[in-house]
């Protein structure tokens, strides 16, 4: 069933909690995975994690550059990380705000697929960034925790069709984000 996306303005405490490991792909976990799939088509995002739709389970959906369909990942654990990649970040749970973060350039994870089958995957570049962003959600971490300087955050304002201009945050939004963030140094992974 399609779900609303939870944001830091309304569900900050919940979004900051670590999620619970899925013990089996029974009805409850399958329902959460189904809700992620149903919600996927209603948002413009590279991924959605279960906490963003009000579930405390370790599940997310994502779609990388070469994939035709989004993929459900259950109980992900990053087991290797290498290199560094700096790029923009944004989040449905921190709507309309973007900033530059540093993340590992390559990662390897172990997890389950949507059927409960163990998988091991290697990701590089932007796909690695997406997966790390979603794993962060499962740990109660938001991208605003990974920015080096709050002054680097921005919003996008449409200038004309097909063009966006970066705008600095207003003072009130900047103050709100400063109160909400929990800084993490560099691209430290929660393993």
Protein backbone atom coordinates (compact mmCIF):
# COMPACT_ATOMS: atom_id res chain seq x y z
CA UNK A 1 0.00 0.00 0.00
CA UNK A 2 1.29 3.47 -0.86
CA UNK A 3 2.62 5.34 2.19
CA UNK A 4 3.42 8.97 2.94
CA UNK A 5 7.10 9.88 3.34
CA UNK A 6 8.03 10.76 6.93
CA UNK A 7 10.15 13.90 7.33
CA UNK A 8 12.31 15.43 10.04
CA UNK A 9 9.76 18.17 10.61
CA UNK A 10 7.10 15.67 11.71
CA UNK A 11 8.88 12.39 12.64
CA UNK A 12 12.42 13.32 13.66
CA UNK A 13 12.59 11.02 16.69
CA UNK A 14 11.48 7.98 14.68
CA UNK A 15 13.83 8.71 11.78
CA UNK A 16 16.74 8.88 14.25
CA UNK A 17 16.22 5.35 15.60
CA UNK A 18 18.18 2.31 14.50
CA UNK A 19 16.03 -0.23 12.73
CA UNK A 20 15.31 -3.82 13.73
CA UNK A 21 16.79 -6.77 11.85
CA UNK A 22 14.29 -8.83 9.86
CA UNK A 23 14.31 -12.39 11.23
CA UNK A 24 12.37 -13.92 8.34
CA UNK A 25 10.61 -12.72 5.21
CA UNK A 26 7.18 -13.44 6.63
CA UNK A 27 3.98 -11.52 6.02
CA UNK A 28 4.96 -8.39 7.98
CA UNK A 29 8.33 -7.95 6.24
CA UNK A 30 6.79 -8.76 2.85
CA UNK A 31 4.11 -6.12 3.50
CA UNK A 32 6.77 -3.48 4.25
CA UNK A 33 8.62 -4.43 1.06
CA UNK A 34 5.32 -4.17 -0.84
CA UNK A 35 4.65 -0.74 0.68
CA UNK A 36 8.08 0.41 -0.46
CA UNK A 37 7.35 -0.79 -4.00
CA UNK A 38 3.92 0.88 -4.01
CA UNK A 39 5.38 4.14 -2.68
CA UNK A 40 8.31 4.03 -5.13
CA UNK A 41 6.20 5.10 -8.12
CA UNK A 42 4.85 8.14 -6.28
CA UNK A 43 8.17 9.84 -5.48
CA UNK A 44 11.21 11.02 -7.41
CA UNK A 45 14.07 9.33 -5.56
CA UNK A 46 16.90 6.86 -6.01
CA UNK A 47 15.86 5.00 -2.88
CA UNK A 48 13.44 4.80 0.03
CA UNK A 49 14.20 3.18 3.38
CA UNK A 50 11.57 1.59 5.62
CA UNK A 51 11.83 4.29 8.33
CA UNK A 52 10.79 6.85 5.73
CA UNK A 53 7.39 5.15 5.53
CA UNK A 54 7.04 4.51 9.26
CA UNK A 55 8.54 1.02 9.58
CA UNK A 56 11.39 0.17 11.92
CA UNK A 57 12.59 -2.80 9.84
CA UNK A 58 15.98 -3.01 8.05
CA UNK A 59 14.61 -2.85 4.51
CA UNK A 60 15.06 -0.42 1.63
CA UNK A 61 14.27 -0.12 -2.06
CA UNK A 62 16.63 1.46 -4.57
CA UNK A 63 17.39 1.70 -8.23
CA UNK A 64 20.85 2.23 -9.66
CA UNK A 65 22.02 3.48 -13.01
CA UNK A 66 22.05 0.19 -14.92
CA UNK A 67 18.96 -1.34 -13.29
CA UNK A 68 15.62 -1.62 -15.09
CA UNK A 69 13.57 -2.24 -11.94
CA UNK A 70 14.09 -1.15 -8.33
CA UNK A 71 15.51 -3.72 -5.93
CA UNK A 72 14.51 -4.57 -2.35
CA UNK A 73 17.42 -5.01 0.07
CA UNK A 74 16.85 -6.58 3.51
CA UNK A 75 19.24 -6.53 6.49
CA UNK A 76 22.14 -4.86 4.63
CA UNK A 77 25.56 -4.79 6.23
CA UNK A 78 28.46 -2.92 4.69
CA UNK A 79 31.43 -5.28 4.96
CA UNK A 80 34.00 -3.38 2.86
CA UNK A 81 34.48 0.27 1.94
CA UNK A 82 37.19 1.86 -0.15
CA UNK A 83 38.06 5.23 -1.61
CA UNK A 84 36.16 8.47 -1.32
CA UNK A 85 33.59 10.19 -3.49
CA UNK A 86 32.31 13.73 -2.96
CA UNK A 87 28.98 14.65 -4.56
CA UNK A 88 25.59 16.21 -3.88
CA UNK A 89 23.09 14.57 -1.55
CA UNK A 90 19.42 15.13 -0.88
CA UNK A 91 16.63 13.26 0.86
CA UNK A 92 12.86 12.92 0.79
CA UNK A 93 12.91 13.12 4.60
CA UNK A 94 14.74 16.47 4.44
CA UNK A 95 12.67 17.84 1.57
CA UNK A 96 14.01 20.50 -0.76
CA UNK A 97 17.46 20.74 0.84
CA UNK A 98 20.70 19.57 -0.76
CA UNK A 99 24.37 19.57 0.11
CA UNK A 100 27.71 17.97 -0.62
CA UNK A 101 28.71 14.85 1.31
CA UNK A 102 31.68 12.51 1.24
CA UNK A 103 31.04 8.80 1.00
CA UNK A 104 33.02 5.70 0.17
CA UNK A 105 33.60 5.30 -3.58
CA UNK A 106 33.18 1.51 -3.41
CA UNK A 107 31.35 -0.72 -0.98
CA UNK A 108 30.49 -4.35 -0.59
CA UNK A 109 27.42 -5.50 1.31
CA UNK A 110 25.83 -8.67 2.52
CA UNK A 111 22.03 -8.74 2.73
CA UNK A 112 18.91 -10.63 1.76
CA UNK A 113 16.83 -10.10 -1.32
CA UNK A 114 13.04 -9.73 -1.08
CA UNK A 115 12.65 -13.53 -0.86
CA UNK A 116 15.03 -13.91 2.08
CA UNK A 117 17.88 -15.29 -0.06
CA UNK A 118 21.37 -14.22 1.03
CA UNK A 119 23.17 -11.93 -1.40
CA UNK A 120 26.57 -10.28 -1.56
CA UNK A 121 26.95 -7.21 -3.77
CA UNK A 122 29.65 -4.77 -4.79
CA UNK A 123 28.77 -1.17 -5.72
CA UNK A 124 30.83 1.69 -7.09
CA UNK A 125 30.34 5.38 -7.73
CA UNK A 126 26.85 6.81 -7.60
CA UNK A 127 25.29 3.40 -6.92
CA UNK A 128 27.53 3.05 -3.86
CA UNK A 129 26.39 6.52 -2.70
CA UNK A 130 22.73 5.56 -3.01
CA UNK A 131 23.16 2.33 -1.06
CA UNK A 132 25.17 4.08 1.68
CA UNK A 133 22.49 6.78 1.95
CA UNK A 134 19.79 4.13 2.43
CA UNK A 135 21.87 2.12 4.92
CA UNK A 136 22.34 5.38 6.85
CA UNK A 137 18.56 5.67 7.16
CA UNK A 138 18.49 2.22 8.74
CA UNK A 139 21.01 3.49 11.32
CA UNK A 140 19.08 6.68 12.11
CA UNK A 141 21.52 8.85 10.14
CA UNK A 142 20.43 11.59 7.72
CA UNK A 143 22.57 13.17 5.01
CA UNK A 144 22.63 16.45 6.97
CA UNK A 145 24.77 14.60 9.53
CA UNK A 146 27.42 14.03 6.85
CA UNK A 147 27.82 17.58 5.56
CA UNK A 148 31.01 19.33 6.56
CA UNK A 149 29.57 22.83 6.75
CA UNK A 150 25.94 23.88 7.12
CA UNK A 151 26.71 26.92 4.95
CA UNK A 152 27.06 24.51 2.03
CA UNK A 153 23.40 23.48 2.15
CA UNK A 154 21.10 24.91 -0.49
CA UNK A 155 17.66 24.73 -2.07
CA UNK A 156 16.91 24.70 -5.77
CA UNK A 157 14.73 27.37 -7.29
CA UNK A 158 13.40 27.02 -10.81
CA UNK A 159 14.63 29.96 -12.89
CA UNK A 160 13.07 28.88 -16.13
CA UNK A 161 12.05 25.61 -17.65
CA UNK A 162 14.78 23.01 -17.27
CA UNK A 163 17.04 25.23 -15.16
CA UNK A 164 17.55 25.39 -11.40
CA UNK A 165 19.47 27.92 -9.37
CA UNK A 166 21.08 27.08 -6.03
CA UNK A 167 19.81 29.31 -3.23
CA UNK A 168 21.21 29.47 0.31
CA UNK A 169 18.94 28.38 3.14
CA UNK A 170 16.94 30.99 4.98
CA UNK A 171 18.11 31.73 8.50
CA UNK A 172 15.15 29.92 10.07
CA UNK A 173 15.69 26.78 7.97
CA UNK A 174 19.43 26.89 8.67
CA UNK A 175 18.74 27.12 12.42
CA UNK A 176 16.30 24.20 12.22
CA UNK A 177 18.80 22.01 10.35
CA UNK A 178 21.57 22.93 12.80
CA UNK A 179 19.35 21.80 15.70
CA UNK A 180 18.41 18.57 13.92
CA UNK A 181 21.79 17.36 12.69
CA UNK A 182 24.15 14.96 14.45
CA UNK A 183 27.51 15.51 12.74
CA UNK A 184 29.54 12.48 11.64
CA UNK A 185 33.15 13.09 10.59
CA UNK A 186 34.15 12.42 6.99
CA UNK A 187 32.50 9.42 5.43
CA UNK A 188 32.70 7.27 8.56
CA UNK A 189 30.59 4.19 8.07
CA UNK A 190 28.51 2.59 10.76
CA UNK A 191 29.58 -1.02 10.48
